[in-house]
N, C-alpha and C. Protein backbone atom coordinates (compact mmCIF):
# COMPACT_ATOMS: atom_id res chain seq x y z
N MET A 1 -7.15 3.35 -29.52
CA MET A 1 -5.86 3.46 -28.87
C MET A 1 -5.91 4.63 -27.89
N GLU A 2 -5.21 4.49 -26.77
CA GLU A 2 -5.16 5.54 -25.76
C GLU A 2 -3.71 5.88 -25.44
N THR A 3 -3.48 7.15 -25.15
CA THR A 3 -2.16 7.59 -24.73
C THR A 3 -2.30 8.42 -23.46
N ARG A 4 -1.45 8.14 -22.49
CA ARG A 4 -1.51 8.85 -21.21
C ARG A 4 -1.08 10.30 -21.42
N ILE A 5 -1.89 11.23 -20.91
CA ILE A 5 -1.58 12.65 -21.09
C ILE A 5 -1.46 13.43 -19.79
N GLY A 6 -1.77 12.82 -18.66
CA GLY A 6 -1.63 13.56 -17.40
C GLY A 6 -2.23 12.84 -16.22
N ARG A 7 -2.06 13.49 -15.06
CA ARG A 7 -2.57 12.97 -13.79
C ARG A 7 -3.29 14.11 -13.08
N ILE A 8 -4.39 13.79 -12.42
CA ILE A 8 -5.18 14.79 -11.71
C ILE A 8 -4.45 15.19 -10.43
N SER A 9 -4.16 16.50 -10.31
CA SER A 9 -3.48 16.99 -9.11
C SER A 9 -4.46 17.58 -8.10
N HIS A 10 -5.59 18.10 -8.57
CA HIS A 10 -6.62 18.67 -7.69
C HIS A 10 -7.99 18.34 -8.24
N TYR A 11 -8.96 18.19 -7.34
CA TYR A 11 -10.34 17.96 -7.75
C TYR A 11 -11.24 18.82 -6.89
N TYR A 12 -12.04 19.64 -7.53
CA TYR A 12 -13.00 20.51 -6.84
C TYR A 12 -14.38 19.90 -7.05
N ASP A 13 -14.82 19.10 -6.06
CA ASP A 13 -16.04 18.32 -6.23
C ASP A 13 -17.30 19.17 -6.35
N HIS A 14 -17.37 20.32 -5.71
CA HIS A 14 -18.58 21.14 -5.76
C HIS A 14 -18.84 21.72 -7.15
N ILE A 15 -17.81 21.82 -8.00
CA ILE A 15 -18.00 22.30 -9.38
C ILE A 15 -17.56 21.27 -10.41
N ARG A 16 -17.12 20.10 -9.94
CA ARG A 16 -16.64 19.00 -10.79
C ARG A 16 -15.60 19.47 -11.82
N VAL A 17 -14.56 20.07 -11.28
CA VAL A 17 -13.45 20.54 -12.11
C VAL A 17 -12.17 19.92 -11.58
N VAL A 18 -11.31 19.46 -12.50
CA VAL A 18 -10.01 18.91 -12.13
C VAL A 18 -8.91 19.83 -12.65
N VAL A 19 -7.78 19.76 -11.98
CA VAL A 19 -6.57 20.43 -12.47
C VAL A 19 -5.58 19.32 -12.77
N LEU A 20 -4.98 19.40 -13.97
CA LEU A 20 -3.99 18.40 -14.33
C LEU A 20 -2.82 19.03 -15.06
N SER A 21 -1.66 18.42 -14.89
CA SER A 21 -0.47 18.80 -15.64
C SER A 21 -0.37 17.86 -16.82
N LEU A 22 -0.21 18.43 -18.01
CA LEU A 22 -0.23 17.63 -19.23
C LEU A 22 1.16 17.22 -19.70
N THR A 23 1.23 16.03 -20.26
CA THR A 23 2.45 15.54 -20.88
C THR A 23 2.28 15.43 -22.40
N ASP A 24 1.11 15.83 -22.90
CA ASP A 24 0.82 15.77 -24.34
C ASP A 24 -0.22 16.84 -24.66
N LYS A 25 -0.45 17.09 -25.95
CA LYS A 25 -1.44 18.09 -26.37
C LYS A 25 -2.86 17.59 -26.11
N LEU A 26 -3.78 18.55 -25.90
CA LEU A 26 -5.19 18.24 -25.71
C LEU A 26 -6.00 19.39 -26.29
N ASN A 27 -7.09 19.06 -26.99
CA ASN A 27 -7.95 20.05 -27.62
C ASN A 27 -9.39 19.86 -27.18
N VAL A 28 -10.15 20.95 -27.19
CA VAL A 28 -11.60 20.84 -26.99
C VAL A 28 -12.12 19.95 -28.11
N GLY A 29 -12.98 19.01 -27.78
CA GLY A 29 -13.50 18.05 -28.75
C GLY A 29 -12.84 16.69 -28.67
N ASP A 30 -11.65 16.62 -28.07
CA ASP A 30 -10.98 15.32 -27.88
C ASP A 30 -11.77 14.49 -26.88
N LYS A 31 -11.64 13.17 -26.99
CA LYS A 31 -12.24 12.28 -26.01
C LYS A 31 -11.14 11.82 -25.07
N VAL A 32 -11.48 11.78 -23.75
CA VAL A 32 -10.52 11.34 -22.75
C VAL A 32 -11.12 10.22 -21.91
N HIS A 33 -10.22 9.40 -21.37
CA HIS A 33 -10.59 8.29 -20.49
C HIS A 33 -9.95 8.59 -19.14
N VAL A 34 -10.78 8.72 -18.10
CA VAL A 34 -10.30 8.98 -16.75
C VAL A 34 -10.31 7.64 -16.01
N LEU A 35 -9.15 7.27 -15.47
CA LEU A 35 -9.01 5.95 -14.87
C LEU A 35 -8.28 6.05 -13.54
N GLY A 36 -8.84 5.39 -12.53
CA GLY A 36 -8.23 5.34 -11.21
C GLY A 36 -8.71 4.10 -10.47
N HIS A 37 -8.42 4.04 -9.18
CA HIS A 37 -8.79 2.87 -8.38
C HIS A 37 -10.31 2.64 -8.40
N THR A 38 -11.09 3.71 -8.29
CA THR A 38 -12.55 3.59 -8.30
C THR A 38 -13.18 4.40 -9.43
N THR A 39 -12.37 4.91 -10.33
CA THR A 39 -12.84 5.78 -11.42
C THR A 39 -12.58 5.11 -12.75
N ASP A 40 -13.57 5.18 -13.65
CA ASP A 40 -13.39 4.63 -14.99
C ASP A 40 -14.53 5.14 -15.87
N PHE A 41 -14.27 6.23 -16.62
CA PHE A 41 -15.28 6.74 -17.53
C PHE A 41 -14.62 7.48 -18.69
N VAL A 42 -15.40 7.63 -19.76
CA VAL A 42 -14.95 8.33 -20.97
C VAL A 42 -15.84 9.54 -21.16
N GLN A 43 -15.24 10.66 -21.58
CA GLN A 43 -16.03 11.85 -21.88
C GLN A 43 -15.34 12.68 -22.94
N GLU A 44 -16.11 13.56 -23.57
CA GLU A 44 -15.56 14.51 -24.52
C GLU A 44 -15.15 15.76 -23.76
N VAL A 45 -14.03 16.37 -24.16
CA VAL A 45 -13.58 17.62 -23.56
C VAL A 45 -14.44 18.75 -24.14
N THR A 46 -15.24 19.39 -23.29
CA THR A 46 -16.13 20.45 -23.77
C THR A 46 -15.60 21.84 -23.46
N SER A 47 -14.77 21.97 -22.42
CA SER A 47 -14.16 23.26 -22.11
C SER A 47 -12.93 23.06 -21.25
N MET A 48 -11.98 23.98 -21.42
CA MET A 48 -10.75 23.97 -20.62
C MET A 48 -10.40 25.41 -20.28
N GLU A 49 -9.71 25.59 -19.16
CA GLU A 49 -9.27 26.92 -18.76
C GLU A 49 -7.84 26.87 -18.24
N ILE A 50 -7.11 27.93 -18.54
CA ILE A 50 -5.81 28.17 -17.93
C ILE A 50 -5.89 29.54 -17.28
N GLU A 51 -5.68 29.58 -15.97
CA GLU A 51 -5.78 30.81 -15.19
C GLU A 51 -7.07 31.57 -15.47
N HIS A 52 -8.18 30.85 -15.42
CA HIS A 52 -9.54 31.39 -15.57
C HIS A 52 -9.84 31.96 -16.96
N LYS A 53 -9.07 31.58 -17.96
CA LYS A 53 -9.33 32.00 -19.34
C LYS A 53 -9.60 30.76 -20.18
N ASN A 54 -10.70 30.79 -20.94
CA ASN A 54 -11.03 29.66 -21.81
C ASN A 54 -9.96 29.49 -22.88
N VAL A 55 -9.59 28.24 -23.13
CA VAL A 55 -8.64 27.90 -24.19
C VAL A 55 -9.21 26.74 -24.99
N SER A 56 -8.81 26.65 -26.25
CA SER A 56 -9.31 25.55 -27.09
C SER A 56 -8.29 24.44 -27.24
N SER A 57 -7.02 24.73 -26.93
CA SER A 57 -5.99 23.69 -26.97
C SER A 57 -4.92 24.01 -25.94
N VAL A 58 -4.27 22.96 -25.46
CA VAL A 58 -3.20 23.11 -24.48
C VAL A 58 -2.03 22.23 -24.90
N SER A 59 -0.85 22.57 -24.39
CA SER A 59 0.38 21.89 -24.78
C SER A 59 1.00 21.16 -23.59
N PRO A 60 1.96 20.27 -23.85
CA PRO A 60 2.65 19.59 -22.77
C PRO A 60 3.26 20.61 -21.80
N GLY A 61 3.15 20.32 -20.50
CA GLY A 61 3.68 21.21 -19.48
C GLY A 61 2.66 22.18 -18.93
N ASP A 62 1.54 22.39 -19.65
CA ASP A 62 0.51 23.30 -19.18
C ASP A 62 -0.25 22.68 -18.01
N GLU A 63 -0.69 23.52 -17.08
CA GLU A 63 -1.62 23.10 -16.04
C GLU A 63 -2.98 23.63 -16.45
N VAL A 64 -3.94 22.75 -16.61
CA VAL A 64 -5.24 23.12 -17.17
C VAL A 64 -6.35 22.65 -16.24
N ALA A 65 -7.42 23.47 -16.21
CA ALA A 65 -8.63 23.09 -15.48
C ALA A 65 -9.61 22.51 -16.49
N LEU A 66 -10.21 21.40 -16.13
CA LEU A 66 -11.07 20.66 -17.04
C LEU A 66 -12.32 20.23 -16.30
N LYS A 67 -13.49 20.49 -16.88
CA LYS A 67 -14.76 20.06 -16.30
C LYS A 67 -14.92 18.57 -16.56
N VAL A 68 -15.34 17.82 -15.51
CA VAL A 68 -15.56 16.38 -15.67
C VAL A 68 -17.01 16.03 -15.36
N ASN A 69 -17.48 14.95 -15.96
CA ASN A 69 -18.88 14.54 -15.83
C ASN A 69 -19.16 13.70 -14.59
N GLU A 70 -18.12 13.11 -14.04
CA GLU A 70 -18.29 12.21 -12.89
C GLU A 70 -17.24 12.53 -11.82
N PRO A 71 -17.50 12.13 -10.58
CA PRO A 71 -16.51 12.35 -9.53
C PRO A 71 -15.22 11.60 -9.81
N VAL A 72 -14.09 12.20 -9.43
CA VAL A 72 -12.78 11.58 -9.61
C VAL A 72 -12.01 11.71 -8.30
N LYS A 73 -10.81 11.17 -8.28
CA LYS A 73 -9.93 11.30 -7.12
C LYS A 73 -8.59 11.88 -7.59
N GLU A 74 -7.96 12.64 -6.69
CA GLU A 74 -6.62 13.13 -7.00
C GLU A 74 -5.72 11.92 -7.21
N GLY A 75 -4.89 11.99 -8.23
CA GLY A 75 -4.01 10.88 -8.57
C GLY A 75 -4.55 10.03 -9.71
N ASP A 76 -5.84 10.17 -10.05
CA ASP A 76 -6.37 9.45 -11.21
C ASP A 76 -5.62 9.90 -12.46
N VAL A 77 -5.57 9.02 -13.44
CA VAL A 77 -4.82 9.28 -14.67
C VAL A 77 -5.79 9.58 -15.81
N ILE A 78 -5.37 10.50 -16.69
CA ILE A 78 -6.19 10.83 -17.87
C ILE A 78 -5.46 10.39 -19.12
N TYR A 79 -6.21 9.68 -19.98
CA TYR A 79 -5.71 9.21 -21.25
C TYR A 79 -6.49 9.88 -22.37
N LYS A 80 -5.81 10.23 -23.46
CA LYS A 80 -6.50 10.75 -24.64
C LYS A 80 -6.80 9.57 -25.55
N ILE A 81 -8.04 9.49 -26.02
CA ILE A 81 -8.45 8.42 -26.93
C ILE A 81 -8.13 8.88 -28.35
N ILE A 82 -7.34 8.09 -29.03
CA ILE A 82 -6.95 8.40 -30.40
C ILE A 82 -7.69 7.47 -31.33
N GLU A 83 -8.53 8.07 -32.17
CA GLU A 83 -9.30 7.28 -33.14
C GLU A 83 -8.35 6.80 -34.24
N GLU A 84 -8.36 5.52 -34.48
CA GLU A 84 -7.51 4.97 -35.53
C GLU A 84 -8.26 5.04 -36.85
N THR A 85 -7.61 5.56 -37.87
CA THR A 85 -8.23 5.64 -39.20
C THR A 85 -7.63 4.57 -40.09
N MET A 86 -8.47 4.00 -40.91
CA MET A 86 -8.01 2.93 -41.80
C MET A 86 -8.11 3.38 -43.23
């Protein structure tokens, strides 16, 4: 299951870092799905920063910088993958 948690507002291609405003919580170790017109990949969150300081979790309303594994476009959407337990 996936839940939408934000949209990419900036992309710095030379360092492959995105800035996004969050609508839900996100933690280092979570898996995210980045989806856009030409973008579609899944990755684990390995590091996040707020104002150049490493953080391990972020809350709704935070603007966070996130390293990505592949090129993205501004406006792409980020979904958090929620593992279903049975």
